[in-house]
Protein backbone atom coordinates (compact mmCIF):
# COMPACT_ATOMS: atom_id res chain seq x y z
CA MET A 1 57.48 -69.64 23.66
CA SER A 2 54.65 -69.65 25.44
CA LEU A 3 55.90 -66.26 27.70
CA SER A 4 56.48 -64.91 24.36
CA ASN A 5 52.65 -65.17 23.76
CA SER A 6 51.73 -63.88 27.02
CA GLU A 7 53.67 -61.02 26.51
CA MET A 8 52.04 -60.27 22.79
CA LYS A 9 48.68 -60.85 24.32
CA ARG A 10 48.97 -58.18 26.90
CA PRO A 11 49.92 -54.92 24.11
CA LEU A 12 47.16 -56.29 22.25
CA VAL A 13 44.36 -56.24 25.44
CA TRP A 14 45.70 -52.78 26.36
CA LEU A 15 45.27 -51.47 22.83
CA ARG A 16 41.21 -53.40 22.28
CA ALA A 17 40.52 -51.55 26.30
CA LEU A 18 41.66 -48.51 24.64
CA ILE A 19 39.66 -49.15 21.70
CA VAL A 20 36.92 -50.30 24.46
CA VAL A 21 37.21 -46.62 26.26
CA ALA A 22 37.90 -44.61 23.20
CA THR A 23 34.68 -46.22 22.10
CA ALA A 24 32.76 -45.55 25.35
CA ALA A 25 33.83 -41.96 25.72
CA ALA A 26 33.99 -40.89 22.22
CA VAL A 27 30.13 -42.61 21.97
CA ALA A 28 29.19 -40.83 25.29
CA VAL A 29 30.64 -37.49 24.30
CA THR A 30 28.87 -38.18 20.89
CA ILE A 31 25.42 -38.91 22.75
CA PHE A 32 26.06 -35.60 25.42
CA PHE A 33 26.85 -33.00 23.33
CA GLY A 34 23.53 -34.47 20.81
CA ARG A 35 21.13 -34.24 24.45
CA CYS A 36 22.71 -30.47 24.51
CA ASN A 37 22.28 -29.47 21.00
CA TYR A 38 18.79 -31.47 20.56
CA HIS A 39 17.59 -29.12 23.65
CA LYS A 40 18.76 -26.49 22.03
CA THR A 41 17.37 -27.13 18.68
CA ALA A 42 14.35 -28.13 20.27
CA ARG A 43 14.02 -24.31 21.78
CA LEU A 44 15.05 -22.21 18.50
CA THR A 45 12.46 -24.82 16.35
CA THR A 46 9.78 -24.05 19.10
CA GLU A 47 10.86 -20.04 18.65
CA GLN A 48 10.95 -19.99 15.17
CA PHE A 49 7.57 -21.83 14.54
CA SER A 50 5.95 -19.32 17.13
CA ARG A 51 8.08 -16.54 14.56
CA GLN A 52 6.32 -18.00 11.91
CA GLN A 53 2.85 -18.25 13.38
CA LEU A 54 2.84 -15.13 14.41
CA ARG A 55 3.39 -13.77 11.00
CA LEU A 56 0.49 -16.02 9.50
CA ALA A 57 -1.46 -14.12 12.28
CA ARG A 58 -0.30 -10.82 10.48
CA SER A 59 -0.87 -11.97 7.50
CA ALA A 60 -4.63 -13.47 8.34
CA ALA A 61 -5.41 -10.10 10.84
CA ASN A 62 -4.04 -8.22 7.14
CA GLY A 63 -6.95 -9.90 5.46
CA VAL A 64 -9.91 -9.45 8.17
CA ASN A 65 -9.03 -5.91 8.07
CA THR A 66 -9.32 -5.78 4.24
CA TYR A 67 -12.19 -7.45 3.93
CA PHE A 68 -14.60 -5.56 6.04
CA SER A 69 -12.87 -2.52 4.22
CA GLU A 70 -14.94 -3.64 1.07
CA LEU A 71 -17.48 -4.49 3.14
CA SER A 72 -17.74 -0.47 4.35
CA ALA A 73 -17.02 1.06 0.84
CA SER A 74 -19.59 -1.15 -0.68
CA LEU A 75 -22.37 0.13 2.20
CA LYS A 76 -20.98 3.87 2.17
CA SER A 77 -21.16 3.73 -1.99
CA LEU A 78 -24.68 2.66 -1.19
CA ALA A 79 -25.16 5.72 1.05
CA LYS A 80 -24.47 7.77 -1.27
CA LEU A 81 -27.11 7.05 -4.58
CA PRO A 82 -29.94 10.10 -4.36
CA ASP A 83 -32.59 6.73 -4.09
CA VAL A 84 -31.52 5.86 -0.38
CA GLN A 85 -30.82 9.50 0.51
CA GLN A 86 -34.30 10.07 -0.49
CA MET A 87 -35.62 6.92 0.80
CA LYS A 88 -37.18 6.80 -2.52
CA PRO A 89 -38.82 2.93 -3.25
CA GLU A 90 -36.34 2.88 -5.55
CA CYS A 91 -33.78 2.14 -3.45
CA LEU A 92 -35.14 -1.83 -2.27
CA ARG A 93 -33.65 -2.26 -5.91
CA CYS A 94 -30.09 -0.39 -5.33
CA LEU A 95 -30.24 -2.88 -1.39
CA GLN A 96 -30.76 -5.86 -3.44
CA HIS A 97 -28.06 -5.65 -6.24
CA THR A 98 -25.54 -5.03 -3.62
CA TYR A 99 -26.83 -8.03 -1.23
CA TRP A 100 -25.76 -9.99 -4.38
CA GLY A 101 -22.03 -9.04 -3.86
CA PHE A 102 -22.56 -10.34 0.28
CA PRO A 103 -21.85 -13.57 1.78
CA LYS A 104 -25.40 -15.10 1.92
CA ARG A 105 -26.46 -14.47 5.56
CA THR A 106 -26.51 -11.25 5.03
CA SER A 107 -28.82 -8.72 5.09
CA LEU A 108 -29.34 -4.47 4.61
CA ARG A 109 -31.60 -2.26 6.77
CA LEU A 110 -32.17 1.46 6.22
CA LEU A 111 -33.05 3.37 8.92
CA ASP A 112 -34.52 7.08 8.49
CA ALA A 113 -33.05 10.16 10.30
CA GLY A 114 -35.66 8.84 13.30
CA GLY A 115 -33.72 5.15 13.46
CA VAL A 116 -37.41 3.89 11.92
CA CYS A 117 -36.50 1.13 9.87
CA ARG A 118 -37.62 2.13 6.59
CA PHE A 119 -36.56 -0.64 4.23
CA ILE A 120 -34.39 -4.24 4.53
CA TYR A 121 -33.59 -6.85 1.91
CA PRO A 122 -34.03 -9.78 1.78
CA VAL A 123 -37.99 -9.18 3.09
CA GLU A 124 -39.21 -12.75 3.83
CA GLY A 125 -40.02 -14.04 6.45
CA TRP A 126 -39.88 -12.35 9.87
CA ARG A 127 -37.78 -9.56 8.74
CA SER A 128 -41.02 -7.76 6.82
CA GLU A 129 -42.62 -7.79 9.93
CA LEU A 130 -38.91 -5.15 10.99
CA VAL A 131 -39.64 -2.54 8.31
CA GLY A 132 -41.35 0.47 10.71
CA ARG A 133 -39.83 -0.67 14.17
CA ASP A 134 -38.02 2.21 15.88
CA TYR A 135 -34.31 1.34 16.23
CA SER A 136 -33.45 5.22 17.55
CA LYS A 137 -32.34 3.28 21.13
CA GLU A 138 -29.65 1.16 19.67
CA ALA A 139 -26.65 1.78 20.11
CA TYR A 140 -24.99 1.55 16.96
CA PHE A 141 -27.93 4.01 15.28
CA SER A 142 -26.79 6.98 18.46
CA GLU A 143 -23.36 7.00 17.64
CA VAL A 144 -22.97 6.54 13.93
CA MET A 145 -25.71 9.54 14.26
CA GLN A 146 -23.51 12.15 16.50
CA THR A 147 -19.75 11.03 15.43
CA GLY A 148 -20.61 10.44 11.25
CA ARG A 149 -18.76 8.03 11.00
CA ILE A 150 -18.36 4.01 9.97
CA GLY A 151 -18.64 1.93 12.61
CA VAL A 152 -18.81 -1.97 13.39
CA TYR A 153 -20.70 -3.44 16.65
CA THR A 154 -21.19 -7.15 17.47
CA VAL A 155 -24.87 -7.55 18.37
CA HIS A 156 -27.65 -9.85 18.60
CA ASN A 157 -30.78 -10.10 16.12
CA GLU A 158 -34.39 -10.15 16.77
CA GLN A 159 -33.92 -13.97 16.24
CA GLY A 160 -31.37 -13.86 18.88
CA ARG A 161 -28.92 -14.84 16.62
CA LEU A 162 -24.97 -13.55 16.62
CA ARG A 163 -24.28 -10.32 14.06
CA ILE A 164 -21.60 -8.33 12.65
CA ARG A 165 -23.54 -4.87 11.92
CA VAL A 166 -21.51 -2.23 10.12
CA ALA A 167 -23.75 0.78 10.26
CA VAL A 168 -22.46 3.79 7.63
CA PRO A 169 -23.90 7.11 8.00
CA VAL A 170 -26.54 8.18 4.95
CA ARG A 171 -26.12 11.77 4.24
CA LEU A 172 -27.70 14.34 1.80
CA THR A 173 -25.28 15.10 -0.98
CA HIS A 174 -28.02 14.71 -4.22
CA GLU A 175 -31.10 16.02 -4.96
CA ALA A 176 -33.64 14.20 -7.41
CA THR A 177 -36.01 15.85 -9.72
CA THR A 178 -38.83 14.68 -11.64
CA ILE A 179 -39.39 15.13 -15.06
CA LYS A 180 -42.14 13.66 -17.66
CA ALA A 181 -40.81 11.18 -19.77
CA GLY A 182 -43.30 10.62 -22.56
CA ASP A 183 -46.55 9.39 -20.64
CA GLY A 184 -44.29 8.73 -17.73
CA THR A 185 -42.88 10.35 -15.29
CA GLY A 186 -38.93 9.53 -13.78
CA LEU A 187 -36.08 10.89 -11.82
CA ILE A 188 -33.27 12.02 -12.30
CA ALA A 189 -30.49 12.75 -9.69
CA LYS A 190 -27.68 15.25 -9.58
CA PRO A 191 -25.11 16.01 -6.99
CA MET A 192 -26.44 19.25 -4.72
CA ASP A 193 -23.84 22.49 -4.26
CA ARG A 194 -21.87 22.27 -0.85
CA ASN A 195 -22.65 25.66 0.04
CA ARG A 196 -26.30 24.85 -0.58
CA PRO A 197 -28.49 24.67 2.99
CA GLY A 198 -29.28 21.20 3.59
CA TRP A 199 -25.93 19.81 1.87
CA GLY A 200 -24.63 17.03 4.20
CA ARG A 201 -27.88 16.48 6.32
CA PHE A 202 -28.40 13.71 8.27
CA CYS A 203 -30.58 11.31 6.39
CA GLY A 204 -29.89 7.23 8.57
CA VAL A 205 -27.91 4.91 8.58
CA MET A 206 -27.30 2.13 6.33
CA ILE A 207 -26.76 -1.02 7.92
CA GLY A 208 -24.82 -4.42 6.79
CA SER A 209 -26.03 -7.23 9.05
CA PHE A 210 -23.53 -10.31 9.04
CA ASP A 211 -23.84 -13.69 10.05
CA PRO A 212 -20.06 -13.99 11.84
CA GLU A 213 -20.14 -18.36 10.66
CA ASP A 214 -20.00 -16.21 7.13
CA ILE A 215 -16.85 -14.49 8.10
CA ALA A 216 -15.30 -17.07 9.56
CA ARG A 217 -15.36 -19.35 7.13
CA ASN A 218 -14.23 -17.37 3.98
CA LEU A 219 -11.50 -15.38 6.13
CA VAL A 220 -10.35 -17.66 10.17
CA THR A 221 -11.25 -21.53 9.45
CA PRO A 222 -9.02 -21.88 6.37
CA ILE A 223 -6.71 -20.73 8.20
CA VAL A 224 -4.26 -23.86 9.26
CA SER A 225 -0.54 -23.76 11.67
CA GLY A 226 1.51 -27.00 11.47
CA ARG A 227 -1.32 -29.92 11.45
CA THR A 228 -4.08 -29.31 13.46
CA GLY A 229 -3.44 -25.73 14.71
CA TYR A 230 -6.28 -23.08 14.00
CA ALA A 231 -7.28 -19.28 14.63
CA TRP A 232 -9.73 -17.64 16.38
CA LEU A 233 -11.61 -13.58 16.15
CA LEU A 234 -12.03 -11.40 19.13
CA ASN A 235 -13.91 -8.71 18.78
CA GLU A 236 -13.24 -5.29 20.89
CA LYS A 237 -14.87 -6.88 23.93
CA GLY A 238 -13.50 -9.77 24.33
CA VAL A 239 -16.17 -11.77 22.67
CA PHE A 240 -15.15 -14.94 20.60
CA LEU A 241 -16.34 -14.34 17.06
CA SER A 242 -15.01 -17.23 15.10
CA HIS A 243 -13.58 -20.76 16.87
CA HIS A 244 -12.89 -23.68 15.99
CA GLU A 245 -15.39 -24.91 19.17
CA LYS A 246 -18.59 -24.25 17.72
CA GLU A 247 -20.29 -23.16 21.23
CA PHE A 248 -17.59 -20.68 21.61
CA VAL A 249 -19.07 -18.02 19.11
CA GLY A 250 -21.09 -15.53 20.79
CA MET A 251 -19.23 -16.05 24.51
CA SER A 252 -16.75 -13.75 26.25
CA ALA A 253 -13.69 -15.65 25.82
CA PHE A 254 -12.82 -14.94 29.22
CA GLU A 255 -15.88 -16.84 31.06
CA ALA A 256 -15.74 -19.93 27.89
CA ARG A 257 -12.66 -22.03 28.75
CA ALA A 258 -13.91 -21.62 32.25
CA LYS A 259 -17.00 -22.76 31.93
CA ARG A 260 -16.16 -25.71 29.82
CA ASP A 261 -13.18 -27.27 31.95
CA PRO A 262 -13.35 -25.74 35.21
CA GLY A 263 -10.34 -27.84 36.62
CA ILE A 264 -7.77 -26.31 34.25
CA SER A 265 -6.04 -22.61 35.10
CA CYS A 266 -6.79 -19.85 32.55
CA GLU A 267 -4.83 -17.96 34.27
CA ALA A 268 -2.23 -17.78 31.26
CA VAL A 269 -4.61 -17.49 28.38
CA ASP A 270 -6.09 -14.81 30.30
CA GLU A 271 -3.40 -12.68 30.25
CA ILE A 272 -3.04 -13.63 26.28
CA GLN A 273 -6.07 -12.53 25.76
CA ARG A 274 -6.13 -8.97 27.50
CA LYS A 275 -2.87 -8.03 25.64
CA MET A 276 -4.63 -9.01 22.48
CA LEU A 277 -7.87 -6.54 23.93
CA SER A 278 -5.16 -3.35 24.04
CA GLY A 279 -4.01 -3.92 20.80
CA GLU A 280 -0.80 -5.50 21.50
CA GLU A 281 0.87 -8.93 19.09
CA GLY A 282 3.16 -11.51 20.26
CA THR A 283 3.07 -14.72 20.97
CA GLY A 284 2.79 -16.83 24.07
CA ARG A 285 1.81 -20.18 25.58
CA TYR A 286 -0.72 -21.09 27.66
CA ILE A 287 -3.29 -24.81 28.84
CA SER A 288 -5.86 -25.94 27.08
CA GLY A 289 -9.14 -28.66 28.22
CA ARG A 290 -8.76 -29.50 24.65
CA HIS A 291 -8.06 -29.72 21.65
CA ARG A 292 -9.97 -30.99 17.89
CA GLY A 293 -12.04 -33.25 20.16
CA LYS A 294 -9.26 -34.15 22.15
CA THR A 295 -9.36 -33.95 25.92
CA GLY A 296 -6.66 -33.13 28.63
CA GLN A 297 -3.87 -30.87 29.57
CA ILE A 298 -2.60 -29.59 26.53
CA GLU A 299 0.01 -26.71 25.94
CA LYS A 300 -0.18 -24.82 22.85
CA LEU A 301 1.85 -22.43 20.96
CA VAL A 302 -0.05 -18.86 20.62
CA ALA A 303 0.50 -16.22 17.95
CA TYR A 304 -1.92 -13.27 18.23
CA ALA A 305 -1.90 -9.66 15.88
CA PRO A 306 -4.30 -6.93 15.69
CA VAL A 307 -7.28 -6.51 13.61
CA HIS A 308 -8.50 -2.70 13.07
CA VAL A 309 -11.67 -2.37 11.84
CA ASN A 310 -13.62 1.40 11.34
CA GLY A 311 -11.63 1.89 14.84
CA LYS A 312 -12.34 -1.45 16.91
CA LYS A 313 -9.65 -3.10 18.02
CA TRP A 314 -9.94 -6.76 17.37
CA SER A 315 -7.98 -9.47 17.36
CA LEU A 316 -6.89 -12.65 15.78
CA ALA A 317 -4.72 -15.85 17.67
CA ILE A 318 -3.55 -18.90 15.68
CA SER A 319 -2.71 -22.07 18.66
CA THR A 320 -1.10 -25.30 17.70
CA PRO A 321 -0.58 -27.99 20.00
CA VAL A 322 3.41 -28.00 21.03
CA GLY A 323 3.42 -31.32 21.21
CA GLU A 324 3.54 -30.93 17.19
CA VAL A 325 6.46 -29.30 17.29
CA GLN A 326 8.00 -31.40 19.90
CA LYS A 327 6.96 -34.14 17.86
CA VAL A 328 9.03 -33.08 14.92
CA ILE A 329 11.49 -32.73 17.30
CA ARG A 330 12.19 -36.08 18.15
CA MET A 331 11.74 -37.71 14.78
CA ARG A 332 15.23 -35.59 13.76
CA GLN A 333 16.52 -37.19 17.21
CA ARG A 334 15.74 -40.60 16.54
CA SER A 335 17.32 -40.05 13.13
CA GLU A 336 20.54 -38.36 14.80
CA PHE A 337 20.59 -41.57 17.42
CA PHE A 338 19.86 -43.96 14.31
CA THR A 339 22.79 -42.18 12.46
CA LEU A 340 24.98 -42.83 15.97
CA ALA A 341 24.53 -46.97 16.13
CA VAL A 342 25.47 -47.25 12.71
CA VAL A 343 28.40 -45.56 11.76
CA ILE A 344 30.05 -43.20 14.76
CA ALA A 345 32.97 -41.98 12.25
CA ALA A 346 30.20 -40.09 10.57
CA LEU A 347 28.66 -38.72 13.43
CA THR A 348 29.83 -35.51 13.51
CA MET A 349 29.08 -35.56 9.84
CA GLY A 350 25.82 -36.71 10.01
CA GLY A 351 25.11 -34.09 12.72
CA VAL A 352 26.45 -31.41 10.37
CA PHE A 353 24.64 -32.48 7.48
CA LEU A 354 21.61 -32.81 9.53
CA PHE A 355 22.37 -29.22 10.85
CA VAL A 356 22.74 -27.92 7.05
CA VAL A 357 19.73 -29.53 6.32
CA SER A 358 17.98 -27.99 9.54
CA CYS A 359 19.01 -24.70 8.51
CA ARG A 360 17.85 -25.05 4.87
CA TRP A 361 14.50 -26.29 6.18
CA SER A 362 14.22 -23.08 8.53
CA ARG A 363 14.61 -20.51 5.40
CA SER A 364 12.64 -22.88 3.17
CA LEU A 365 9.91 -22.24 5.87
CA GLU A 366 11.27 -18.13 6.10
CA ARG A 367 11.26 -17.74 2.61
CA GLU A 368 7.63 -19.47 2.33
CA VAL A 369 6.22 -17.25 4.42
CA ARG A 370 7.91 -13.98 3.25
CA ASN A 371 7.15 -14.71 0.00
CA ARG A 372 3.46 -15.40 0.55
CA THR A 373 3.41 -11.83 2.82
CA ASN A 374 4.99 -10.20 0.15
CA GLU A 375 2.48 -10.89 -2.38
CA LEU A 376 0.01 -10.41 0.10
CA LYS A 377 1.51 -6.90 0.98
CA GLU A 378 2.76 -5.92 -2.84
CA THR A 379 -1.09 -6.69 -4.01
CA SER A 380 -2.65 -4.27 -1.48
CA ASP A 381 0.59 -1.61 -1.08
CA TYR A 382 2.35 -1.80 -5.08
CA LEU A 383 0.32 0.63 -6.65
CA THR A 384 -0.73 3.01 -4.10
CA ARG A 385 3.28 3.61 -2.88
CA LEU A 386 4.04 3.46 -6.59
CA ILE A 387 2.07 6.34 -7.00
CA ARG A 388 2.42 7.89 -4.17
CA PHE A 389 6.23 8.25 -3.90
CA ALA A 390 6.97 8.47 -7.59
CA ASN A 391 9.69 12.02 -7.76
CA ALA A 392 7.13 13.39 -10.80
CA PRO A 393 3.80 14.49 -9.80
CA ILE A 394 1.17 12.21 -10.78
CA ILE A 395 -2.72 13.10 -9.71
CA VAL A 396 -6.29 10.53 -10.48
CA TRP A 397 -9.18 11.39 -10.53
CA SER A 398 -12.78 9.65 -11.29
CA PRO A 399 -14.59 10.01 -14.20
CA ALA A 400 -16.96 12.86 -11.93
CA GLY A 401 -14.06 15.03 -12.31
CA LYS A 402 -13.18 14.43 -8.29
CA ILE A 403 -9.47 13.66 -6.98
CA THR A 404 -8.77 10.12 -5.84
CA ILE A 405 -4.75 10.45 -5.74
CA PHE A 406 -2.87 13.08 -5.16
CA ASN A 407 0.87 11.96 -4.53
CA LYS A 408 3.22 13.66 -2.70
CA ALA A 409 5.42 15.34 -5.23
CA PHE A 410 1.78 17.35 -6.60
CA GLU A 411 1.53 17.88 -2.65
CA GLN A 412 5.22 19.89 -2.97
CA MET A 413 4.03 21.53 -6.75
CA SER A 414 0.51 22.68 -5.67
CA GLY A 415 1.49 23.21 -1.31
CA LYS A 416 -1.78 21.15 -0.32
CA GLY A 417 -1.84 17.92 1.32
CA GLU A 418 -3.35 14.40 -0.56
CA ALA A 419 -6.28 14.54 2.91
CA GLU A 420 -7.43 17.83 1.79
CA MET A 421 -7.74 17.14 -2.02
CA LEU A 422 -9.65 13.79 -1.71
CA GLY A 423 -12.79 14.04 -3.19
CA GLU A 424 -12.61 17.70 -4.45
CA PRO A 425 -13.39 18.69 -7.83
CA LEU A 426 -10.12 19.37 -10.12
CA LYS A 427 -11.26 23.39 -10.91
CA VAL A 428 -9.44 24.20 -7.41
CA LEU A 429 -6.36 23.35 -8.93
CA PHE A 430 -5.76 25.66 -11.46
CA PRO A 431 -5.18 28.87 -11.70
CA PRO A 432 -8.94 31.55 -12.29
CA GLU A 433 -7.50 33.03 -15.71
CA SER A 434 -6.72 29.35 -17.39
CA ARG A 435 -9.20 27.41 -15.33
CA SER A 436 -11.74 27.41 -18.80
CA GLU A 437 -9.05 25.86 -20.87
CA SER A 438 -7.63 23.42 -18.41
CA LEU A 439 -10.84 22.01 -17.19
CA GLY A 440 -11.61 22.10 -21.37
CA LYS A 441 -8.33 19.29 -21.58
CA ILE A 442 -9.10 18.06 -18.87
CA GLU A 443 -12.13 16.62 -20.39
CA SER A 444 -10.74 15.98 -23.45
CA ALA A 445 -8.34 13.19 -21.26
CA SER A 446 -11.37 11.98 -19.56
CA GLY A 447 -12.80 11.20 -23.45
CA GLY A 448 -10.16 9.60 -24.60
CA GLN A 449 -7.54 11.86 -25.89
CA TYR A 450 -4.24 11.15 -23.94
CA TRP A 451 -2.13 14.44 -23.02
CA GLU A 452 1.86 13.89 -24.72
CA ASN A 453 3.72 17.19 -23.24
CA VAL A 454 0.59 19.32 -22.59
CA GLU A 455 1.58 22.85 -20.61
CA ILE A 456 -0.75 23.10 -17.93
CA PRO A 457 -0.10 25.66 -14.63
CA ILE A 458 -1.34 24.86 -11.00
CA LEU A 459 -2.18 27.23 -8.75
CA HIS A 460 -0.02 27.02 -5.44
CA LYS A 461 -1.53 27.09 -1.78
CA ASP A 462 0.15 30.72 -1.66
CA GLY A 463 -0.55 32.07 -4.84
CA GLN A 464 2.07 31.10 -6.98
CA ILE A 465 1.77 29.57 -10.80
CA ARG A 466 3.70 26.35 -10.93
CA VAL A 467 4.02 25.47 -14.38
CA GLY A 468 3.27 21.55 -15.63
CA LEU A 469 4.46 19.54 -18.32
CA TRP A 470 1.67 17.25 -18.81
CA ASN A 471 0.94 13.81 -19.62
CA SER A 472 -2.05 11.12 -19.37
CA ALA A 473 -3.60 8.37 -19.58
CA ASN A 474 -7.21 5.95 -19.06
CA ILE A 475 -7.83 3.65 -17.36
CA TYR A 476 -10.90 1.29 -18.13
CA ALA A 477 -12.85 -1.79 -16.80
CA GLU A 478 -12.57 -5.11 -18.37
CA ASP A 479 -14.89 -4.21 -21.37
CA SER A 480 -12.03 -1.51 -22.31
CA ARG A 481 -14.91 0.79 -22.42
CA THR A 482 -16.20 2.18 -19.31
CA LEU A 483 -13.58 4.34 -18.17
CA ILE A 484 -12.41 4.43 -14.70
CA ALA A 485 -9.89 6.85 -13.86
CA THR A 486 -8.07 8.96 -16.19
CA ILE A 487 -4.10 9.45 -14.12
CA ALA A 488 -1.73 12.32 -15.50
CA GLN A 489 2.19 12.70 -14.69
CA GLY A 490 3.91 15.87 -14.70
CA GLN A 491 7.20 17.79 -14.53
CA ASP A 492 7.56 20.62 -12.85
CA ILE A 493 9.20 23.43 -15.53
CA THR A 494 8.57 26.68 -13.81
CA GLU A 495 12.50 27.36 -13.71
CA ARG A 496 12.79 26.30 -16.85
CA LYS A 497 9.94 28.82 -18.30
CA GLU A 498 11.64 31.10 -16.25
CA VAL A 499 14.85 31.03 -17.70
CA GLU A 500 14.00 30.72 -20.87
CA GLU A 501 12.47 33.97 -20.36
CA SER A 502 14.70 35.61 -19.32
CA LEU A 503 17.28 34.13 -21.93
CA ARG A 504 15.09 35.65 -24.11
CA GLN A 505 14.82 39.39 -22.47
CA SER A 506 18.74 39.41 -21.95
CA GLU A 507 18.99 38.81 -26.12
CA SER A 508 16.53 41.34 -26.73
CA ARG A 509 18.34 44.08 -25.02
CA LEU A 510 21.74 42.97 -26.47
CA ARG A 511 20.19 43.43 -29.98
CA LEU A 512 18.89 46.71 -29.24
CA ILE A 513 22.79 47.26 -27.98
CA MET A 514 24.26 46.17 -31.06
CA GLU A 515 21.67 48.02 -32.92
CA ASN A 516 21.89 51.56 -31.37
CA THR A 517 25.52 51.61 -31.35
CA SER A 518 27.67 53.38 -33.28
CA ASP A 519 30.58 50.84 -33.35
CA GLY A 520 30.83 47.28 -35.02
CA ILE A 521 30.32 44.59 -32.79
CA ASN A 522 30.74 40.84 -33.69
CA ILE A 523 29.47 37.49 -31.81
CA VAL A 524 32.28 34.88 -32.44
CA GLU A 525 31.94 31.32 -32.12
CA TYR A 526 35.48 29.77 -31.64
CA ASP A 527 36.22 26.29 -31.72
CA PRO A 528 39.93 25.56 -29.68
CA ARG A 529 40.08 21.96 -31.55
CA THR A 530 40.59 23.09 -35.33
CA TYR A 531 41.34 27.27 -34.37
CA GLN A 532 38.85 28.02 -36.01
CA ARG A 533 36.13 30.94 -35.95
CA ARG A 534 32.48 30.97 -36.60
CA LEU A 535 30.09 34.46 -37.14
CA VAL A 536 27.02 33.88 -34.93
CA MET A 537 25.14 37.50 -35.06
CA CYS A 538 26.63 41.03 -36.13
CA ASN A 539 25.48 44.50 -36.27
CA ASP A 540 24.62 46.73 -39.50
CA ARG A 541 28.06 49.37 -38.55
CA TYR A 542 29.84 45.74 -38.48
CA VAL A 543 28.33 44.93 -41.93
CA GLU A 544 29.16 48.45 -43.30
CA MET A 545 33.29 48.40 -42.04
CA SER A 546 33.86 44.71 -43.99
CA GLY A 547 32.51 46.49 -47.27
CA ARG A 548 30.88 42.62 -47.26
CA SER A 549 27.34 41.35 -47.12
CA ARG A 550 25.94 39.99 -44.32
CA GLU A 551 25.75 36.43 -45.91
CA GLU A 552 29.13 36.24 -46.76
CA LEU A 553 30.32 37.29 -43.10
CA MET A 554 27.93 34.37 -41.89
CA ALA A 555 29.40 32.16 -44.28
CA ASN A 556 31.14 29.61 -42.14
CA ASP A 557 35.16 29.13 -43.98
CA ASN A 558 35.17 32.84 -44.34
CA LEU A 559 35.81 34.35 -40.61
CA ASN A 560 39.47 33.35 -40.10
CA ARG A 561 39.98 35.02 -43.77
CA PHE A 562 38.75 37.58 -42.94
CA ALA A 563 40.19 38.37 -39.86
CA SER A 564 43.97 38.96 -41.52
CA GLU A 565 42.24 41.86 -43.35
CA ILE A 566 41.30 43.49 -39.84
CA GLU A 567 43.80 45.92 -38.78
CA CYS A 568 42.74 45.63 -34.96
CA TYR A 569 43.77 42.41 -34.77
CA SER A 570 47.70 41.59 -34.92
CA ARG A 571 49.57 38.93 -35.98
CA PRO A 572 50.72 38.08 -32.92
CA PHE A 573 47.49 38.35 -31.55
CA HIS A 574 45.86 36.73 -34.48
CA GLU A 575 48.36 33.17 -34.28
CA GLN A 576 48.78 32.87 -30.75
CA SER A 577 46.00 34.70 -28.06
CA LEU A 578 43.44 32.83 -30.74
CA LYS A 579 44.09 29.41 -29.56
CA THR A 580 43.32 30.34 -26.04
CA LEU A 581 40.02 32.67 -27.15
CA PRO A 582 37.23 31.16 -25.52
CA SER A 583 33.99 28.95 -26.93
CA ALA A 584 32.42 32.28 -27.95
CA GLY A 585 33.07 36.07 -27.56
CA MET A 586 32.44 39.26 -28.13
CA SER A 587 34.88 41.53 -30.57
CA CYS A 588 34.34 45.64 -30.96
CA TRP A 589 35.39 47.33 -34.23
CA LEU A 590 35.98 51.31 -33.25
CA ARG A 591 35.22 53.77 -35.83
CA PRO A 592 38.37 55.10 -37.73
CA ASP A 593 38.02 58.31 -36.21
CA GLY A 594 37.82 57.24 -32.58
């Protein structure tokens, strides 16, 4: 009995050992693959975070670009005002009205053709002393005067503070005429003729001086990546225009970090910044000496994208500590190990579940970034693409009659490119012989009358005339009264008109032949389903030979009845051949003597 018990215990020991070894092996294998999976997940998560950070940098860069485009457009509109071009005292009020739409710490300056400051707003305090000061030696004045293009420059103002200046050339396009109004006088401005001497003459430079801190507060500072990542902005010379470390603003990006943290190598970040200044976009890593108050060697992930501001290559970057990403990865690792300790049998399922959750989380982040990017892109591109790439010719003109949008289909119809047509008057599109009539229709459309299938000819660049069938609509401001623009959509019906004219000429020739022949001729429409024929046309000789009136012949139910009485149709032809006749045909009755 004792032996028997001993023999029974041995298999139990081996079974227990086998269970322990199998369990240990399973745990070891699971931990091994878990660690391998951890490193792979860490790498993929880091790459995924970098890609998402790059998308965010692109979106932010587009926002900065759009912001400066709007500022430039406002200054460009201001430069087109007659009072500004004439350097009238009234232009100070124009500067004031435009100033209200800009950030607080902004100033507007108007320099004359000699570079002398004629007007400035605000004019209080130390700025009042700048009126009459000569700025002709400044780089922004001479460059804008020579190139005639809008420029963006980073300078220090008279108080030694960093400023971003947008310089817009002022050219003479309007003239002012003094008139009497009662006991006073007034000015009336009207556009100058482009062919008149003096049109487009350089009058000066309109300058908007902006505080980078205000721009950073609106566009750069709100950008956050992860929990503590922030964005920074460089100009074309590598000078910080915005940074979380305020002392960096205005300093060279290649000197600021080395000066503050001389013990940390800046080789990696300097290489990244050189790529940024060359207009590249991408991701990378570098070592920083601090981050939001924390000091020490902190490795960061950075993503950067170019900002194109009126021909200048700026760059925006977003940097986040690698530790934030690793912290997320470690939290996931602890969750996996906890699941392993609780239930080894469910570890595989738990790993699959976590992988699925990870994939869904990753896709969710991608979807969120993609949706936000698409929203920004749709906001800026939707209307432009919808109109520009429509199949139908579309044109938009301002209340002044100037072309503002000229899509691809209209380019094909007119043979003229969008670049050469923008800003041009509408009259250049019409043939001389119908120009007055077409301009009258344009005026009526701008006055509120909607076109509906209105024919207006268009003069092609090669001299041909294309006929269009047009519909129009007016676009009003929020008050529903102020006209913003008029849009017209058309259809090129030139070929259809030519076909219609050809058909009319063919019909005229046919009628002429029928009425000038001594033979009887008719045209019959045949229905192969019912074997019925209907007379659609005949000449007078046919009516005479039939012995009936034209009204009788044209009756729908008479042709088959009359056919049996016509000697030129034999019975076999009448009963059999009629079934194979085409849907329309022509027959000729010969004269009895011929």
